[in-house]
Amino acid sequence: MSQSYDNTGTAALWSNEKYEAGGSHPRLKGSFYAHRDIKQGEQIDIALWDGNSENPKAPALKGKVSDRYVADGGAPAGTQAADSVPF
């Protein structure tokens, strides 16, 4: 029985072999796995760290995708707090 890895809420970027300084290709390419449904135009926070791996096939950067942080303790952007219903 194989165990599946849960990528939910993670991101990774790899160095692009086609990149050339001054060229049209991006230096890094990658993807993220949404941790929930995302609405068009909604801003999602992402934090990236160096991959720190000797493996040339490992991502250059790895990270975490999360809801926007709200400092005042309110509900994160894109969600509605239960007590904010107007009735």
C-alpha atoms as a PDB file:
ATOM      1  CA  MET A   1       0.000   0.000   0.000  1.00  0.00           C
ATOM      2  CA  SER A   2       1.507   3.333  -0.993  1.00  0.00           C
ATOM      3  CA  GLN A   3       1.111   6.442   1.102  1.00  0.00           C
ATOM      4  CA  SER A   4       0.113   9.608  -0.716  1.00  0.00           C
ATOM      5  CA  TYR A   5       1.741  12.911   0.161  1.00  0.00           C
ATOM      6  CA  ASP A   6      -0.637  15.798   0.894  1.00  0.00           C
ATOM      7  CA  ASN A   7       0.616  18.853  -1.031  1.00  0.00           C
ATOM      8  CA  THR A   8      -2.292  21.041   0.121  1.00  0.00           C
ATOM      9  CA  GLY A   9      -1.130  24.578   0.886  1.00  0.00           C
ATOM     10  CA  THR A  10       2.424  24.101  -0.435  1.00  0.00           C
ATOM     11  CA  ALA A  11       4.426  25.735  -3.222  1.00  0.00           C
ATOM     12  CA  ALA A  12       7.699  24.959  -5.012  1.00  0.00           C
ATOM     13  CA  LEU A  13       9.811  26.677  -7.678  1.00  0.00           C
ATOM     14  CA  TRP A  14      12.517  25.095  -9.811  1.00  0.00           C
ATOM     15  CA  SER A  15      15.341  26.743 -11.748  1.00  0.00           C
ATOM     16  CA  ASN A  16      14.364  27.075 -15.410  1.00  0.00           C
ATOM     17  CA  GLU A  17      16.894  25.411 -17.740  1.00  0.00           C
ATOM     18  CA  LYS A  18      15.777  27.720 -20.581  1.00  0.00           C
ATOM     19  CA  TYR A  19      16.566  30.901 -18.610  1.00  0.00           C
ATOM     20  CA  GLU A  20      19.131  33.289 -20.102  1.00  0.00           C
ATOM     21  CA  ALA A  21      19.911  36.710 -18.650  1.00  0.00           C
ATOM     22  CA  GLY A  22      18.087  39.293 -20.732  1.00  0.00           C
ATOM     23  CA  GLY A  23      16.015  36.596 -22.436  1.00  0.00           C
ATOM     24  CA  SER A  24      12.266  36.064 -22.374  1.00  0.00           C
ATOM     25  CA  HIS A  25      12.174  32.932 -20.173  1.00  0.00           C
ATOM     26  CA  PRO A  26      11.560  33.189 -16.402  1.00  0.00           C
ATOM     27  CA  ARG A  27      14.418  32.350 -14.009  1.00  0.00           C
ATOM     28  CA  LEU A  28      12.181  30.160 -11.849  1.00  0.00           C
ATOM     29  CA  LYS A  29       9.018  28.176 -12.597  1.00  0.00           C
ATOM     30  CA  GLY A  30       6.716  26.230 -10.324  1.00  0.00           C
ATOM     31  CA  SER A  31       3.281  25.798  -8.878  1.00  0.00           C
ATOM     32  CA  PHE A  32       1.245  25.788  -5.702  1.00  0.00           C
ATOM     33  CA  TYR A  33      -1.556  23.574  -4.426  1.00  0.00           C
ATOM     34  CA  ALA A  34      -4.502  25.591  -3.163  1.00  0.00           C
ATOM     35  CA  HIS A  35      -5.603  24.877   0.393  1.00  0.00           C
ATOM     36  CA  ARG A  36      -9.195  25.929  -0.408  1.00  0.00           C
ATOM     37  CA  ASP A  37     -11.282  27.340  -3.261  1.00  0.00           C
ATOM     38  CA  ILE A  38      -9.841  30.632  -4.507  1.00  0.00           C
ATOM     39  CA  LYS A  39     -11.907  33.431  -6.016  1.00  0.00           C
ATOM     40  CA  GLN A  40     -10.710  35.396  -9.030  1.00  0.00           C
ATOM     41  CA  GLY A  41      -8.795  38.498  -7.946  1.00  0.00           C
ATOM     42  CA  GLU A  42      -8.343  37.280  -4.363  1.00  0.00           C
ATOM     43  CA  GLN A  43      -4.873  37.823  -2.903  1.00  0.00           C
ATOM     44  CA  ILE A  44      -3.275  34.740  -1.334  1.00  0.00           C
ATOM     45  CA  ASP A  45      -0.134  34.940   0.831  1.00  0.00           C
ATOM     46  CA  ILE A  46       2.876  32.840  -0.119  1.00  0.00           C
ATOM     47  CA  ALA A  47       6.164  32.478   1.773  1.00  0.00           C
ATOM     48  CA  LEU A  48       9.230  30.900   0.119  1.00  0.00           C
ATOM     49  CA  TRP A  49      12.460  29.484   1.536  1.00  0.00           C
ATOM     50  CA  ASP A  50      15.649  28.270  -0.154  1.00  0.00           C
ATOM     51  CA  GLY A  51      15.429  24.588  -1.054  1.00  0.00           C
ATOM     52  CA  ASN A  52      18.882  23.890   0.486  1.00  0.00           C
ATOM     53  CA  SER A  53      19.283  20.564  -1.302  1.00  0.00           C
ATOM     54  CA  GLU A  54      22.275  19.101  -3.113  1.00  0.00           C
ATOM     55  CA  ASN A  55      19.859  17.253  -5.437  1.00  0.00           C
ATOM     56  CA  PRO A  56      19.790  19.077  -8.815  1.00  0.00           C
ATOM     57  CA  LYS A  57      16.171  17.968  -9.342  1.00  0.00           C
ATOM     58  CA  ALA A  58      14.988  19.470  -6.034  1.00  0.00           C
ATOM     59  CA  PRO A  59      13.105  22.796  -6.136  1.00  0.00           C
ATOM     60  CA  ALA A  60      15.187  25.965  -5.779  1.00  0.00           C
ATOM     61  CA  LEU A  61      12.535  27.395  -3.439  1.00  0.00           C
ATOM     62  CA  LYS A  62       9.842  25.710  -1.346  1.00  0.00           C
ATOM     63  CA  GLY A  63       7.021  27.431   0.443  1.00  0.00           C
ATOM     64  CA  LYS A  64       3.646  27.688   2.080  1.00  0.00           C
ATOM     65  CA  VAL A  65       0.382  29.116   0.722  1.00  0.00           C
ATOM     66  CA  SER A  66      -2.003  30.610   3.291  1.00  0.00           C
ATOM     67  CA  ASP A  67      -4.918  32.963   3.860  1.00  0.00           C
ATOM     68  CA  ARG A  68      -4.046  36.618   4.326  1.00  0.00           C
ATOM     69  CA  TYR A  69      -3.048  37.466   7.883  1.00  0.00           C
ATOM     70  CA  VAL A  70      -5.408  39.890   9.657  1.00  0.00           C
ATOM     71  CA  ALA A  71      -3.669  41.589  12.594  1.00  0.00           C
ATOM     72  CA  ASP A  72      -6.845  42.705  14.407  1.00  0.00           C
ATOM     73  CA  GLY A  73      -7.993  39.133  15.010  1.00  0.00           C
ATOM     74  CA  GLY A  74     -10.768  39.296  12.433  1.00  0.00           C
ATOM     75  CA  ALA A  75     -11.541  36.634   9.867  1.00  0.00           C
ATOM     76  CA  PRO A  76      -8.929  36.135   7.124  1.00  0.00           C
ATOM     77  CA  ALA A  77      -9.684  37.729   3.761  1.00  0.00           C
ATOM     78  CA  GLY A  78     -11.905  35.478   1.659  1.00  0.00           C
ATOM     79  CA  THR A  79     -13.761  34.073   4.663  1.00  0.00           C
ATOM     80  CA  GLN A  80     -16.740  35.297   6.641  1.00  0.00           C
ATOM     81  CA  ALA A  81     -16.825  35.140  10.409  1.00  0.00           C
ATOM     82  CA  ALA A  82     -19.943  33.461  11.830  1.00  0.00           C
ATOM     83  CA  ASP A  83     -20.822  36.504  13.969  1.00  0.00           C
ATOM     84  CA  SER A  84     -20.610  38.933  11.012  1.00  0.00           C
ATOM     85  CA  VAL A  85     -23.960  37.825   9.541  1.00  0.00           C
ATOM     86  CA  PRO A  86     -26.117  41.009   9.443  1.00  0.00           C
ATOM     87  CA  PHE A  87     -29.278  39.421  10.899  1.00  0.00           C
END
